[in-house]
Amino acid sequence: MAGPPTLLLPPDQSNYQATPNPTALSTQLDGGASRFRADKLGAAITLTVQWTMNRKNYEYLTAFYRTAINFGADPFILGLFIDSGGIQNYPCHFLPGTFQLFSQAGQTWIVQAIIEAASDPSY
């Protein structure tokens, strides 16, 4: 069986907003410093992303969303700048209800979404 499909259109690099999910817990103690402990390994990273594109790329992106990944229900691979200085491929999911056409003016379409990317275990 083949792996997840790869989205060949990377999001705008200047519009990433990455939020790593917590991997540690802390407990505030009366009269002293908090105590910390590891909670989970490999927590996913939530990213707000945006694509600014022409009509051809907009049609590709929406077709990929509707067909290749079943309206966001299936995983896909996306090249992202997260853990290193270069693009790495990450397994991702669109969070339900977040894939949206943000604006369209002339020959420019802007799509925004929130995705969850699996963290890179090598970091």
N, C-alpha and C. Protein backbone atom coordinates (compact mmCIF):
# COMPACT_ATOMS: atom_id res chain seq x y z
N MET A 1 0.83 -1.17 0.00
CA MET A 1 0.00 0.00 0.00
C MET A 1 0.89 1.24 0.00
N ALA A 2 0.53 2.22 -0.81
CA ALA A 2 1.30 3.46 -0.90
C ALA A 2 1.06 4.32 0.34
N GLY A 3 2.03 5.18 0.61
CA GLY A 3 1.90 6.09 1.74
C GLY A 3 0.98 7.25 1.41
N PRO A 4 0.88 8.20 2.32
CA PRO A 4 0.02 9.37 2.10
C PRO A 4 0.49 10.17 0.88
N PRO A 5 -0.43 10.85 0.21
CA PRO A 5 -0.03 11.69 -0.92
C PRO A 5 0.76 12.91 -0.44
N THR A 6 1.57 13.45 -1.33
CA THR A 6 2.38 14.62 -1.01
C THR A 6 1.76 15.86 -1.66
N LEU A 7 1.55 16.88 -0.85
CA LEU A 7 1.08 18.17 -1.35
C LEU A 7 2.30 18.90 -1.90
N LEU A 8 2.29 19.15 -3.21
CA LEU A 8 3.45 19.73 -3.88
C LEU A 8 3.52 21.25 -3.82
N LEU A 9 2.54 21.87 -3.22
CA LEU A 9 2.48 23.33 -3.13
C LEU A 9 2.78 23.74 -1.69
N PRO A 10 3.99 24.22 -1.40
CA PRO A 10 4.30 24.59 -0.01
C PRO A 10 3.59 25.87 0.40
N PRO A 11 3.27 26.01 1.67
CA PRO A 11 2.65 27.26 2.14
C PRO A 11 3.67 28.39 2.13
N ASP A 12 3.16 29.62 2.21
CA ASP A 12 4.03 30.80 2.27
C ASP A 12 4.92 30.69 3.50
N GLN A 13 6.22 30.80 3.32
CA GLN A 13 7.14 30.67 4.45
C GLN A 13 7.03 31.83 5.42
N SER A 14 6.64 32.99 4.94
CA SER A 14 6.58 34.16 5.82
C SER A 14 5.35 34.17 6.71
N ASN A 15 4.44 33.22 6.52
CA ASN A 15 3.20 33.24 7.29
C ASN A 15 3.02 32.04 8.21
N TYR A 16 4.10 31.32 8.51
CA TYR A 16 3.99 30.21 9.46
C TYR A 16 3.72 30.76 10.85
N GLN A 17 2.90 30.07 11.56
CA GLN A 17 2.75 30.33 12.99
C GLN A 17 2.70 28.97 13.64
N ALA A 18 3.83 28.52 14.18
CA ALA A 18 3.95 27.18 14.74
C ALA A 18 3.78 27.20 16.25
N THR A 19 3.01 26.26 16.76
CA THR A 19 2.80 26.12 18.19
C THR A 19 3.06 24.66 18.57
N PRO A 20 4.25 24.37 19.11
CA PRO A 20 4.49 23.00 19.56
C PRO A 20 3.56 22.66 20.72
N ASN A 21 3.01 21.48 20.70
CA ASN A 21 2.16 21.04 21.81
C ASN A 21 3.05 20.73 23.01
N PRO A 22 2.57 20.98 24.21
CA PRO A 22 3.41 20.80 25.40
C PRO A 22 3.90 19.36 25.56
N THR A 23 5.17 19.25 25.94
CA THR A 23 5.74 17.93 26.20
C THR A 23 6.18 17.79 27.66
N ALA A 24 5.88 18.79 28.47
CA ALA A 24 6.23 18.75 29.89
C ALA A 24 5.06 19.29 30.70
N LEU A 25 5.00 18.83 31.93
CA LEU A 25 3.99 19.31 32.87
C LEU A 25 4.69 20.04 34.00
N SER A 26 4.02 21.03 34.56
CA SER A 26 4.58 21.71 35.72
C SER A 26 3.51 21.80 36.80
N THR A 27 3.97 21.83 38.05
CA THR A 27 3.09 21.97 39.20
C THR A 27 3.63 23.10 40.07
N GLN A 28 2.80 24.10 40.28
CA GLN A 28 3.18 25.22 41.14
C GLN A 28 3.13 24.76 42.59
N LEU A 29 4.19 25.00 43.32
CA LEU A 29 4.27 24.59 44.72
C LEU A 29 4.20 25.83 45.62
N ASP A 30 3.51 25.72 46.72
CA ASP A 30 3.42 26.83 47.68
C ASP A 30 4.81 27.13 48.24
N GLY A 31 5.22 28.37 48.12
CA GLY A 31 6.46 28.80 48.75
C GLY A 31 7.72 28.29 48.10
N GLY A 32 7.66 27.81 46.90
CA GLY A 32 8.87 27.31 46.26
C GLY A 32 8.77 27.29 44.75
N ALA A 33 9.82 26.82 44.15
CA ALA A 33 9.86 26.75 42.69
C ALA A 33 8.93 25.65 42.19
N SER A 34 8.45 25.83 41.00
CA SER A 34 7.59 24.80 40.38
C SER A 34 8.39 23.53 40.13
N ARG A 35 7.71 22.44 40.03
CA ARG A 35 8.32 21.15 39.68
C ARG A 35 7.88 20.80 38.27
N PHE A 36 8.81 20.25 37.50
CA PHE A 36 8.55 19.91 36.10
C PHE A 36 8.87 18.44 35.86
N ARG A 37 8.14 17.85 34.91
CA ARG A 37 8.45 16.49 34.48
C ARG A 37 8.02 16.32 33.03
N ALA A 38 8.70 15.40 32.36
CA ALA A 38 8.34 15.10 30.97
C ALA A 38 6.97 14.42 30.95
N ASP A 39 6.18 14.77 29.95
CA ASP A 39 4.83 14.21 29.85
C ASP A 39 4.72 13.24 28.69
N LYS A 40 5.10 13.68 27.50
CA LYS A 40 4.98 12.81 26.33
C LYS A 40 6.07 13.14 25.34
N LEU A 41 6.44 12.15 24.56
CA LEU A 41 7.44 12.33 23.52
C LEU A 41 6.74 12.44 22.17
N GLY A 42 7.32 13.20 21.29
CA GLY A 42 6.80 13.28 19.94
C GLY A 42 5.46 13.98 19.80
N ALA A 43 5.21 14.99 20.61
CA ALA A 43 3.95 15.72 20.51
C ALA A 43 3.86 16.43 19.16
N ALA A 44 2.69 16.49 18.61
CA ALA A 44 2.47 17.13 17.31
C ALA A 44 2.67 18.64 17.41
N ILE A 45 2.88 19.24 16.26
CA ILE A 45 3.04 20.69 16.17
C ILE A 45 1.84 21.24 15.40
N THR A 46 1.19 22.25 15.93
CA THR A 46 0.06 22.88 15.26
C THR A 46 0.56 24.13 14.54
N LEU A 47 0.23 24.24 13.26
CA LEU A 47 0.69 25.37 12.45
C LEU A 47 -0.48 26.06 11.77
N THR A 48 -0.47 27.37 11.82
CA THR A 48 -1.38 28.16 11.00
C THR A 48 -0.59 28.52 9.75
N VAL A 49 -1.12 28.13 8.59
CA VAL A 49 -0.40 28.34 7.34
C VAL A 49 -1.28 29.07 6.33
N GLN A 50 -0.62 29.61 5.32
CA GLN A 50 -1.34 30.36 4.29
C GLN A 50 -0.67 30.10 2.95
N TRP A 51 -1.48 29.98 1.92
CA TRP A 51 -0.99 29.88 0.55
C TRP A 51 -1.49 31.10 -0.21
N THR A 52 -0.58 31.81 -0.88
CA THR A 52 -0.94 32.90 -1.78
C THR A 52 -0.60 32.41 -3.18
N MET A 53 -1.61 32.35 -4.06
CA MET A 53 -1.38 31.65 -5.32
C MET A 53 -2.23 32.19 -6.46
N ASN A 54 -1.92 31.70 -7.65
CA ASN A 54 -2.70 32.04 -8.82
C ASN A 54 -3.84 31.02 -8.97
N ARG A 55 -4.65 31.19 -9.99
CA ARG A 55 -5.83 30.34 -10.17
C ARG A 55 -5.46 28.87 -10.36
N LYS A 56 -4.44 28.60 -11.15
CA LYS A 56 -4.04 27.21 -11.41
C LYS A 56 -3.65 26.51 -10.11
N ASN A 57 -2.85 27.17 -9.27
CA ASN A 57 -2.45 26.56 -8.00
C ASN A 57 -3.61 26.46 -7.02
N TYR A 58 -4.53 27.43 -7.06
CA TYR A 58 -5.72 27.35 -6.22
C TYR A 58 -6.56 26.13 -6.60
N GLU A 59 -6.73 25.90 -7.88
CA GLU A 59 -7.49 24.73 -8.33
C GLU A 59 -6.79 23.43 -7.92
N TYR A 60 -5.46 23.41 -8.00
CA TYR A 60 -4.71 22.22 -7.57
C TYR A 60 -4.91 21.98 -6.07
N LEU A 61 -4.76 23.04 -5.26
CA LEU A 61 -4.87 22.89 -3.81
C LEU A 61 -6.26 22.43 -3.40
N THR A 62 -7.29 23.03 -3.95
CA THR A 62 -8.65 22.63 -3.57
C THR A 62 -8.98 21.22 -4.06
N ALA A 63 -8.48 20.85 -5.25
CA ALA A 63 -8.70 19.48 -5.74
C ALA A 63 -7.97 18.47 -4.85
N PHE A 64 -6.76 18.80 -4.42
CA PHE A 64 -6.01 17.93 -3.52
C PHE A 64 -6.79 17.73 -2.22
N TYR A 65 -7.31 18.82 -1.68
CA TYR A 65 -8.08 18.76 -0.43
C TYR A 65 -9.33 17.91 -0.59
N ARG A 66 -10.07 18.10 -1.68
CA ARG A 66 -11.33 17.39 -1.88
C ARG A 66 -11.14 15.92 -2.21
N THR A 67 -10.15 15.60 -3.03
CA THR A 67 -10.03 14.24 -3.54
C THR A 67 -8.90 13.44 -2.90
N ALA A 68 -7.67 13.93 -2.99
CA ALA A 68 -6.52 13.14 -2.53
C ALA A 68 -6.55 12.87 -1.04
N ILE A 69 -7.09 13.82 -0.26
CA ILE A 69 -7.11 13.60 1.19
C ILE A 69 -8.53 13.63 1.76
N ASN A 70 -9.51 13.43 0.89
CA ASN A 70 -10.89 13.21 1.34
C ASN A 70 -11.40 14.32 2.26
N PHE A 71 -11.32 15.57 1.78
CA PHE A 71 -11.78 16.75 2.53
C PHE A 71 -11.09 16.88 3.89
N GLY A 72 -9.81 16.50 3.93
CA GLY A 72 -9.02 16.65 5.14
C GLY A 72 -9.06 15.48 6.10
N ALA A 73 -9.82 14.44 5.77
CA ALA A 73 -9.93 13.29 6.68
C ALA A 73 -8.68 12.40 6.65
N ASP A 74 -7.93 12.44 5.56
CA ASP A 74 -6.77 11.56 5.41
C ASP A 74 -5.48 12.36 5.58
N PRO A 75 -4.39 11.70 5.99
CA PRO A 75 -3.11 12.39 6.16
C PRO A 75 -2.48 12.71 4.81
N PHE A 76 -1.52 13.63 4.84
CA PHE A 76 -0.75 13.95 3.65
C PHE A 76 0.65 14.37 4.09
N ILE A 77 1.55 14.44 3.12
CA ILE A 77 2.93 14.84 3.38
C ILE A 77 3.10 16.27 2.88
N LEU A 78 3.76 17.10 3.70
CA LEU A 78 3.98 18.50 3.33
C LEU A 78 5.39 18.90 3.74
N GLY A 79 6.10 19.57 2.83
CA GLY A 79 7.43 20.09 3.13
C GLY A 79 7.32 21.37 3.93
N LEU A 80 7.93 21.38 5.13
CA LEU A 80 7.82 22.53 6.04
C LEU A 80 9.18 22.88 6.64
N PHE A 81 9.35 24.15 6.99
CA PHE A 81 10.49 24.60 7.79
C PHE A 81 10.02 24.61 9.24
N ILE A 82 10.39 23.61 10.02
CA ILE A 82 9.98 23.61 11.43
C ILE A 82 11.19 23.38 12.33
N ASP A 83 11.81 22.22 12.21
CA ASP A 83 12.86 21.83 13.14
C ASP A 83 14.28 22.10 12.65
N SER A 84 14.43 22.50 11.41
CA SER A 84 15.78 22.69 10.88
C SER A 84 15.79 23.88 9.93
N GLY A 85 16.95 24.15 9.37
CA GLY A 85 17.09 25.28 8.45
C GLY A 85 16.61 24.99 7.05
N GLY A 86 16.16 23.78 6.80
CA GLY A 86 15.70 23.42 5.46
C GLY A 86 14.32 22.79 5.50
N ILE A 87 13.79 22.58 4.33
CA ILE A 87 12.48 21.96 4.22
C ILE A 87 12.60 20.46 4.52
N GLN A 88 11.73 19.97 5.37
CA GLN A 88 11.62 18.54 5.65
C GLN A 88 10.17 18.14 5.43
N ASN A 89 9.98 16.90 5.02
CA ASN A 89 8.62 16.39 4.82
C ASN A 89 8.05 15.89 6.15
N TYR A 90 6.83 16.32 6.44
CA TYR A 90 6.14 15.95 7.67
C TYR A 90 4.78 15.35 7.32
N PRO A 91 4.38 14.28 8.02
CA PRO A 91 2.99 13.82 7.90
C PRO A 91 2.08 14.85 8.57
N CYS A 92 1.01 15.24 7.89
CA CYS A 92 0.13 16.29 8.38
C CYS A 92 -1.33 15.91 8.24
N HIS A 93 -2.17 16.64 8.95
CA HIS A 93 -3.63 16.62 8.83
C HIS A 93 -4.12 18.06 8.88
N PHE A 94 -5.15 18.37 8.09
CA PHE A 94 -5.84 19.63 8.28
C PHE A 94 -6.76 19.48 9.47
N LEU A 95 -6.77 20.46 10.38
CA LEU A 95 -7.72 20.41 11.48
C LEU A 95 -9.11 20.69 10.90
N PRO A 96 -10.11 19.94 11.33
CA PRO A 96 -11.45 20.08 10.76
C PRO A 96 -11.97 21.51 10.81
N GLY A 97 -12.55 21.94 9.69
CA GLY A 97 -13.18 23.25 9.61
C GLY A 97 -12.24 24.43 9.46
N THR A 98 -10.93 24.20 9.24
CA THR A 98 -10.00 25.32 9.17
C THR A 98 -9.52 25.64 7.76
N PHE A 99 -9.71 24.75 6.79
CA PHE A 99 -9.30 24.99 5.41
C PHE A 99 -10.30 25.95 4.79
N GLN A 100 -9.83 27.17 4.42
CA GLN A 100 -10.78 28.16 3.92
C GLN A 100 -10.15 29.12 2.93
N LEU A 101 -10.95 29.57 1.98
CA LEU A 101 -10.54 30.65 1.10
C LEU A 101 -10.62 31.93 1.92
N PHE A 102 -9.48 32.55 2.14
CA PHE A 102 -9.42 33.76 2.96
C PHE A 102 -9.75 35.00 2.14
N SER A 103 -9.19 35.07 0.93
CA SER A 103 -9.51 36.20 0.06
C SER A 103 -9.18 35.87 -1.38
N GLN A 104 -9.82 36.61 -2.27
CA GLN A 104 -9.56 36.49 -3.69
C GLN A 104 -9.68 37.88 -4.28
N ALA A 105 -8.63 38.33 -4.96
CA ALA A 105 -8.63 39.65 -5.59
C ALA A 105 -7.88 39.53 -6.91
N GLY A 106 -8.56 39.81 -8.00
CA GLY A 106 -7.93 39.70 -9.31
C GLY A 106 -7.49 38.27 -9.57
N GLN A 107 -6.21 38.10 -9.81
CA GLN A 107 -5.66 36.77 -10.09
C GLN A 107 -4.91 36.19 -8.89
N THR A 108 -5.27 36.62 -7.69
CA THR A 108 -4.61 36.14 -6.48
C THR A 108 -5.63 35.53 -5.53
N TRP A 109 -5.38 34.29 -5.14
CA TRP A 109 -6.21 33.59 -4.16
C TRP A 109 -5.37 33.35 -2.92
N ILE A 110 -5.98 33.52 -1.75
CA ILE A 110 -5.29 33.26 -0.48
C ILE A 110 -6.13 32.25 0.30
N VAL A 111 -5.50 31.13 0.62
CA VAL A 111 -6.15 30.08 1.41
C VAL A 111 -5.40 29.98 2.73
N GLN A 112 -6.16 29.88 3.82
CA GLN A 112 -5.57 29.69 5.14
C GLN A 112 -6.09 28.39 5.73
N ALA A 113 -5.27 27.78 6.59
CA ALA A 113 -5.66 26.54 7.26
C ALA A 113 -4.81 26.36 8.50
N ILE A 114 -5.29 25.50 9.36
CA ILE A 114 -4.50 25.06 10.51
C ILE A 114 -4.22 23.58 10.29
N ILE A 115 -2.95 23.24 10.37
CA ILE A 115 -2.56 21.84 10.19
C ILE A 115 -1.85 21.35 11.44
N GLU A 116 -1.89 20.05 11.59
CA GLU A 116 -1.16 19.40 12.67
C GLU A 116 -0.11 18.53 12.02
N ALA A 117 1.14 18.78 12.34
CA ALA A 117 2.26 18.04 11.78
C ALA A 117 2.87 17.15 12.87
N ALA A 118 3.17 15.92 12.51
CA ALA A 118 3.84 15.03 13.45
C ALA A 118 5.26 15.57 13.67
N SER A 119 5.72 15.55 14.91
CA SER A 119 7.05 16.08 15.19
C SER A 119 8.11 15.14 14.64
N ASP A 120 9.27 15.69 14.36
CA ASP A 120 10.40 14.92 13.83
C ASP A 120 11.09 14.25 15.00
N PRO A 121 11.09 12.92 15.06
CA PRO A 121 11.69 12.23 16.21
C PRO A 121 13.20 12.38 16.30
N SER A 122 13.87 12.87 15.25
CA SER A 122 15.31 13.01 15.30
C SER A 122 15.75 14.26 16.04
N TYR A 123 14.79 15.11 16.47
CA TYR A 123 15.13 16.33 17.21
C TYR A 123 14.73 16.20 18.65
